[in-house]
Amino acid sequence: MTVYIEKEGQNLREELAALRARVAVGVAQEAFWFSGTGAQTAFSLPRGWKPKFVYVDGALRRPDTGEDYTVSFDGFIHTVNFAVAPATVDVGMICVREA
């Protein structure tokens, strides 16, 4: 018995280039966790990450002035600034990678 399998070869460079392109347009997401102190209102993210969703003790918070928090950007890093400092609970942020 003879079996013939025909399949196109994969080009690893093309696969890596496609992955890089997806990361560059904000597809890559990561969660960052902080501990609230009850006094700290500003939480800085690592360079290259922009907050998409912010949670305090599991509850989704609303962005913009007059709401729960604002986001500032100094040209290098994004900082989430809460109107009221989170209590001693977990602060989670779902972030997207910036190009």
Foldseek 3Di string as FASTA:
>chain_A
DDDDDDDDDDDVVVVVVVVVVCQQVFNDKDKDKDWFAQPDFKDKDAWQKDFDWKDWQRHTWDEDPPGQWYWDDPPTIIMIGGPGGHHRTMMMTMITGHD
